[in-house]
Structure formats: structure tokens, C-alpha cells
PDB file of N, CA and C in Angstrom:
ATOM      1  N   UNK A   1      96.634  98.090  95.992  1.00  0.00           N
ATOM      2  CA  UNK A   1      97.978  98.540  95.762  1.00  0.00           C
ATOM      3  C   UNK A   1      98.824  98.168  96.970  1.00  0.00           C
ATOM      4  N   UNK A   2      99.918  97.507  96.739  1.00  0.00           N
ATOM      5  CA  UNK A   2     100.869  97.192  97.793  1.00  0.00           C
ATOM      6  C   UNK A   2     102.013  98.180  97.684  1.00  0.00           C
ATOM      7  N   UNK A   3     102.384  98.811  98.795  1.00  0.00           N
ATOM      8  CA  UNK A   3     103.432  99.824  98.785  1.00  0.00           C
ATOM      9  C   UNK A   3     104.492  99.511  99.821  1.00  0.00           C
ATOM     10  N   UNK A   4     105.714  99.914  99.508  1.00  0.00           N
ATOM     11  CA  UNK A   4     106.813  99.794 100.446  1.00  0.00           C
ATOM     12  C   UNK A   4     107.471 101.161 100.566  1.00  0.00           C
ATOM     13  N   UNK A   5     107.608 101.650 101.777  1.00  0.00           N
ATOM     14  CA  UNK A   5     108.312 102.902 102.023  1.00  0.00           C
ATOM     15  C   UNK A   5     109.791 102.565 102.085  1.00  0.00           C
ATOM     16  N   UNK A   6     110.583 103.246 101.269  1.00  0.00           N
ATOM     17  CA  UNK A   6     112.015 102.994 101.246  1.00  0.00           C
ATOM     18  C   UNK A   6     112.658 103.417 102.573  1.00  0.00           C
ATOM     19  N   UNK A   7     113.681 102.719 102.995  1.00  0.00           N
ATOM     20  CA  UNK A   7     114.343 103.019 104.272  1.00  0.00           C
ATOM     21  C   UNK A   7     115.279 104.218 104.174  1.00  0.00           C
ATOM     22  N   UNK A   8     115.781 104.502 102.963  1.00  0.00           N
ATOM     23  CA  UNK A   8     116.686 105.645 102.783  1.00  0.00           C
ATOM     24  C   UNK A   8     116.371 106.361 101.479  1.00  0.00           C
ATOM     25  N   UNK A   9     116.674 107.643 101.453  1.00  0.00           N
ATOM     26  CA  UNK A   9     116.604 108.460 100.248  1.00  0.00           C
ATOM     27  C   UNK A   9     117.916 109.226 100.179  1.00  0.00           C
ATOM     28  N   UNK A  10     118.649 109.016  99.119  1.00  0.00           N
ATOM     29  CA  UNK A  10     119.956 109.639  98.920  1.00  0.00           C
ATOM     30  C   UNK A  10     120.858 109.420 100.134  1.00  0.00           C
ATOM     31  N   UNK A  11     120.821 108.205 100.680  1.00  0.00           N
ATOM     32  CA  UNK A  11     121.670 107.834 101.792  1.00  0.00           C
ATOM     33  C   UNK A  11     121.200 108.282 103.172  1.00  0.00           C
ATOM     34  N   UNK A  12     120.111 109.017 103.229  1.00  0.00           N
ATOM     35  CA  UNK A  12     119.575 109.507 104.504  1.00  0.00           C
ATOM     36  C   UNK A  12     118.392 108.639 104.924  1.00  0.00           C
ATOM     37  N   UNK A  13     118.283 108.311 106.222  1.00  0.00           N
ATOM     38  CA  UNK A  13     117.165 107.470 106.668  1.00  0.00           C
ATOM     39  C   UNK A  13     115.824 108.203 106.572  1.00  0.00           C
ATOM     40  N   UNK A  14     114.810 107.476 106.167  1.00  0.00           N
ATOM     41  CA  UNK A  14     113.451 108.026 106.141  1.00  0.00           C
ATOM     42  C   UNK A  14     112.902 107.899 107.548  1.00  0.00           C
ATOM     43  N   UNK A  15     112.535 109.038 108.157  1.00  0.00           N
ATOM     44  CA  UNK A  15     112.055 109.048 109.539  1.00  0.00           C
ATOM     45  C   UNK A  15     110.581 109.416 109.647  1.00  0.00           C
ATOM     46  N   UNK A  16     110.051 110.089 108.623  1.00  0.00           N
ATOM     47  CA  UNK A  16     108.663 110.543 108.662  1.00  0.00           C
ATOM     48  C   UNK A  16     108.009 110.312 107.304  1.00  0.00           C
ATOM     49  N   UNK A  17     106.715 110.037 107.314  1.00  0.00           N
ATOM     50  CA  UNK A  17     105.925 110.028 106.084  1.00  0.00           C
ATOM     51  C   UNK A  17     104.643 110.804 106.333  1.00  0.00           C
ATOM     52  N   UNK A  18     104.218 111.546 105.325  1.00  0.00           N
ATOM     53  CA  UNK A  18     102.943 112.238 105.391  1.00  0.00           C
ATOM     54  C   UNK A  18     102.892 113.468 106.275  1.00  0.00           C
ATOM     55  N   UNK A  19     104.033 114.051 106.598  1.00  0.00           N
ATOM     56  CA  UNK A  19     104.056 115.293 107.370  1.00  0.00           C
ATOM     57  C   UNK A  19     104.105 116.449 106.382  1.00  0.00           C
ATOM     58  N   UNK A  20     102.991 117.144 106.232  1.00  0.00           N
ATOM     59  CA  UNK A  20     102.886 118.212 105.241  1.00  0.00           C
ATOM     60  C   UNK A  20     102.638 119.536 105.961  1.00  0.00           C
ATOM     61  N   UNK A  21     103.505 120.525 105.745  1.00  0.00           N
ATOM     62  CA  UNK A  21     103.288 121.827 106.375  1.00  0.00           C
ATOM     63  C   UNK A  21     101.977 122.461 105.920  1.00  0.00           C
ATOM     64  N   UNK A  22     101.360 123.237 106.797  1.00  0.00           N
ATOM     65  CA  UNK A  22     100.130 123.947 106.450  1.00  0.00           C
ATOM     66  C   UNK A  22     100.338 124.776 105.190  1.00  0.00           C
ATOM     67  N   UNK A  23      99.354 124.784 104.320  1.00  0.00           N
ATOM     68  CA  UNK A  23      99.411 125.570 103.104  1.00  0.00           C
ATOM     69  C   UNK A  23      99.961 124.816 101.903  1.00  0.00           C
ATOM     70  N   UNK A  24     100.591 123.673 102.129  1.00  0.00           N
ATOM     71  CA  UNK A  24     101.089 122.873 101.006  1.00  0.00           C
ATOM     72  C   UNK A  24      99.934 122.094 100.422  1.00  0.00           C
ATOM     73  N   UNK A  25     100.062 121.703  99.168  1.00  0.00           N
ATOM     74  CA  UNK A  25      99.003 120.960  98.502  1.00  0.00           C
ATOM     75  C   UNK A  25      98.896 119.547  99.065  1.00  0.00           C
ATOM     76  N   UNK A  26      97.675 119.063  99.158  1.00  0.00           N
ATOM     77  CA  UNK A  26      97.438 117.711  99.648  1.00  0.00           C
ATOM     78  C   UNK A  26      98.018 116.653  98.716  1.00  0.00           C
ATOM     79  N   UNK A  27      98.301 117.025  97.477  1.00  0.00           N
ATOM     80  CA  UNK A  27      98.852 116.047  96.537  1.00  0.00           C
ATOM     81  C   UNK A  27     100.249 115.597  96.945  1.00  0.00           C
ATOM     82  N   UNK A  28     100.846 116.282  97.922  1.00  0.00           N
ATOM     83  CA  UNK A  28     102.154 115.877  98.430  1.00  0.00           C
ATOM     84  C   UNK A  28     102.048 114.799  99.510  1.00  0.00           C
ATOM     85  N   UNK A  29     100.840 114.390  99.852  1.00  0.00           N
ATOM     86  CA  UNK A  29     100.657 113.332 100.841  1.00  0.00           C
ATOM     87  C   UNK A  29     101.343 112.056 100.355  1.00  0.00           C
ATOM     88  N   UNK A  30     101.846 111.267 101.274  1.00  0.00           N
ATOM     89  CA  UNK A  30     102.637 110.085 100.925  1.00  0.00           C
ATOM     90  C   UNK A  30     101.893 109.133  99.986  1.00  0.00           C
ATOM     91  N   UNK A  31     100.627 108.890 100.259  1.00  0.00           N
ATOM     92  CA  UNK A  31      99.857 107.936  99.464  1.00  0.00           C
ATOM     93  C   UNK A  31      98.553 108.551  98.982  1.00  0.00           C
ATOM     94  N   UNK A  32      98.552 109.820  98.687  1.00  0.00           N
ATOM     95  CA  UNK A  32      97.340 110.555  98.340  1.00  0.00           C
ATOM     96  C   UNK A  32      96.507 109.866  97.264  1.00  0.00           C
ATOM     97  N   UNK A  33      95.233 109.652  97.595  1.00  0.00           N
ATOM     98  CA  UNK A  33      94.222 109.133  96.680  1.00  0.00           C
ATOM     99  C   UNK A  33      94.568 107.772  96.077  1.00  0.00           C
ATOM    100  N   UNK A  34      95.166 106.905  96.841  1.00  0.00           N
ATOM    101  CA  UNK A  34      95.505 105.554  96.385  1.00  0.00           C
ATOM    102  C   UNK A  34      94.561 104.537  97.025  1.00  0.00           C
ATOM    103  N   UNK A  35      94.473 103.368  96.425  1.00  0.00           N
ATOM    104  CA  UNK A  35      93.734 102.245  97.006  1.00  0.00           C
ATOM    105  C   UNK A  35      94.775 101.356  97.662  1.00  0.00           C
ATOM    106  N   UNK A  36      94.834 101.372  98.971  1.00  0.00           N
ATOM    107  CA  UNK A  36      95.876 100.690  99.726  1.00  0.00           C
ATOM    108  C   UNK A  36      95.381  99.339 100.226  1.00  0.00           C
ATOM    109  N   UNK A  37      96.156  98.298  99.976  1.00  0.00           N
ATOM    110  CA  UNK A  37      95.854  96.983 100.538  1.00  0.00           C
ATOM    111  C   UNK A  37      96.967  96.512 101.458  1.00  0.00           C
ATOM    112  N   UNK A  38      98.168  97.088 101.295  1.00  0.00           N
ATOM    113  CA  UNK A  38      99.310  96.676 102.111  1.00  0.00           C
ATOM    114  C   UNK A  38     100.382  97.761 102.070  1.00  0.00           C
ATOM    115  N   UNK A  39     100.966  98.078 103.219  1.00  0.00           N
ATOM    116  CA  UNK A  39     102.066  99.039 103.288  1.00  0.00           C
ATOM    117  C   UNK A  39     103.144  98.460 104.187  1.00  0.00           C
ATOM    118  N   UNK A  40     104.376  98.457 103.690  1.00  0.00           N
ATOM    119  CA  UNK A  40     105.525  98.045 104.495  1.00  0.00           C
ATOM    120  C   UNK A  40     106.274  99.319 104.867  1.00  0.00           C
ATOM    121  N   UNK A  41     106.400  99.560 106.169  1.00  0.00           N
ATOM    122  CA  UNK A  41     107.056 100.764 106.668  1.00  0.00           C
ATOM    123  C   UNK A  41     108.311 100.341 107.426  1.00  0.00           C
ATOM    124  N   UNK A  42     109.478 100.911 107.059  1.00  0.00           N
ATOM    125  CA  UNK A  42     110.721 100.511 107.719  1.00  0.00           C
ATOM    126  C   UNK A  42     110.772 100.960 109.186  1.00  0.00           C
ATOM    127  N   UNK A  43     111.595 100.290 109.965  1.00  0.00           N
ATOM    128  CA  UNK A  43     111.740 100.625 111.389  1.00  0.00           C
ATOM    129  C   UNK A  43     112.264 102.033 111.622  1.00  0.00           C
ATOM    130  N   UNK A  44     112.904 102.635 110.619  1.00  0.00           N
ATOM    131  CA  UNK A  44     113.444 103.985 110.772  1.00  0.00           C
ATOM    132  C   UNK A  44     112.350 105.042 110.892  1.00  0.00           C
ATOM    133  N   UNK A  45     111.129 104.734 110.432  1.00  0.00           N
ATOM    134  CA  UNK A  45     110.023 105.697 110.493  1.00  0.00           C
ATOM    135  C   UNK A  45     109.492 105.771 111.919  1.00  0.00           C
ATOM    136  N   UNK A  46     109.569 106.978 112.475  1.00  0.00           N
ATOM    137  CA  UNK A  46     109.105 107.196 113.845  1.00  0.00           C
ATOM    138  C   UNK A  46     107.875 108.097 113.905  1.00  0.00           C
ATOM    139  N   UNK A  47     107.477 108.672 112.746  1.00  0.00           N
ATOM    140  CA  UNK A  47     106.308 109.546 112.724  1.00  0.00           C
ATOM    141  C   UNK A  47     105.534 109.327 111.435  1.00  0.00           C
ATOM    142  N   UNK A  48     104.242 109.071 111.581  1.00  0.00           N
ATOM    143  CA  UNK A  48     103.339 109.003 110.435  1.00  0.00           C
ATOM    144  C   UNK A  48     102.401 110.195 110.568  1.00  0.00           C
ATOM    145  N   UNK A  49     102.554 111.141 109.660  1.00  0.00           N
ATOM    146  CA  UNK A  49     101.803 112.382 109.728  1.00  0.00           C
ATOM    147  C   UNK A  49     100.321 112.202 109.464  1.00  0.00           C
ATOM    148  N   UNK A  50      99.553 113.212 109.837  1.00  0.00           N
ATOM    149  CA  UNK A  50      98.094 113.131 109.725  1.00  0.00           C
ATOM    150  C   UNK A  50      97.597 113.145 108.286  1.00  0.00           C
ATOM    151  N   UNK A  51      98.478 113.396 107.323  1.00  0.00           N
ATOM    152  CA  UNK A  51      98.051 113.391 105.926  1.00  0.00           C
ATOM    153  C   UNK A  51      98.707 112.267 105.117  1.00  0.00           C
ATOM    154  N   UNK A  52      99.346 111.338 105.780  1.00  0.00           N
ATOM    155  CA  UNK A  52     100.045 110.261 105.070  1.00  0.00           C
ATOM    156  C   UNK A  52      99.104 109.475 104.164  1.00  0.00           C
ATOM    157  N   UNK A  53      97.895 109.237 104.611  1.00  0.00           N
ATOM    158  CA  UNK A  53      96.946 108.427 103.846  1.00  0.00           C
ATOM    159  C   UNK A  53      95.707 109.238 103.472  1.00  0.00           C
ATOM    160  N   UNK A  54      95.886 110.511 103.216  1.00  0.00           N
ATOM    161  CA  UNK A  54      94.784 111.411 102.912  1.00  0.00           C
ATOM    162  C   UNK A  54      94.054 110.983 101.640  1.00  0.00           C
ATOM    163  N   UNK A  55      92.737 110.940 101.712  1.00  0.00           N
ATOM    164  CA  UNK A  55      91.866 110.593 100.580  1.00  0.00           C
ATOM    165  C   UNK A  55      92.140 109.199 100.015  1.00  0.00           C
ATOM    166  N   UNK A  56      92.619 108.295 100.835  1.00  0.00           N
ATOM    167  CA  UNK A  56      92.896 106.928 100.407  1.00  0.00           C
ATOM    168  C   UNK A  56      91.725 106.008 100.734  1.00  0.00           C
ATOM    169  N   UNK A  57      91.644 104.941  99.972  1.00  0.00           N
ATOM    170  CA  UNK A  57      90.740 103.862 100.282  1.00  0.00           C
ATOM    171  C   UNK A  57      91.614 102.752 100.856  1.00  0.00           C
ATOM    172  N   UNK A  58      91.386 102.409 102.102  1.00  0.00           N
ATOM    173  CA  UNK A  58      92.219 101.405 102.773  1.00  0.00           C
ATOM    174  C   UNK A  58      91.387 100.163 103.030  1.00  0.00           C
ATOM    175  N   UNK A  59      91.854  99.053 102.498  1.00  0.00           N
ATOM    176  CA  UNK A  59      91.185  97.774 102.689  1.00  0.00           C
ATOM    177  C   UNK A  59      91.983  96.954 103.684  1.00  0.00           C
ATOM    178  N   UNK A  60      91.391  96.643 104.812  1.00  0.00           N
ATOM    179  CA  UNK A  60      92.062  95.853 105.842  1.00  0.00           C
ATOM    180  C   UNK A  60      91.637  94.387 105.735  1.00  0.00           C
ATOM    181  N   UNK A  61      92.579  93.485 106.002  1.00  0.00           N
ATOM    182  CA  UNK A  61      92.205  92.072 105.960  1.00  0.00           C
ATOM    183  C   UNK A  61      91.220  91.740 107.059  1.00  0.00           C
ATOM    184  N   UNK A  62      90.388  90.740 106.820  1.00  0.00           N
ATOM    185  CA  UNK A  62      89.389  90.331 107.825  1.00  0.00           C
ATOM    186  C   UNK A  62      89.934  89.260 108.702  1.00  0.00           C
TER     187      UNK A  62
END
């Protein structure tokens, strides 16, 4: 799966992905349970939370 994180949502810059407050469901993770082969993250993102790629299968190029 190739994914692109959008740079804005409703005109506001996306600054964080995968930051989930304690007690929230893991299904709110940015890419929860996906098979990731490529992710494009905009320069506006300054924080990637510890649950951004929770339960994902990540394939890195060799």
C-alpha cells in the first residue's frame, strides 16, 4: 500500500500523525493494521507519534 499524508485538512496544516491520547482505541492510529510499502509525509509534519504505524507490516526496499 502506498500512502500520502495530506498537507492540510480543512485549510489547517497537518503537523502530527499517530499521536493518540491514552485510553483511545488503537483503531485511530494513522495507518493501523495496513501493509505499508511507501509513505509520503509532507514537510509540515514535525511529530510522528508512537502509534502512527501500530500493527502495520512495513516492507522496506533492499
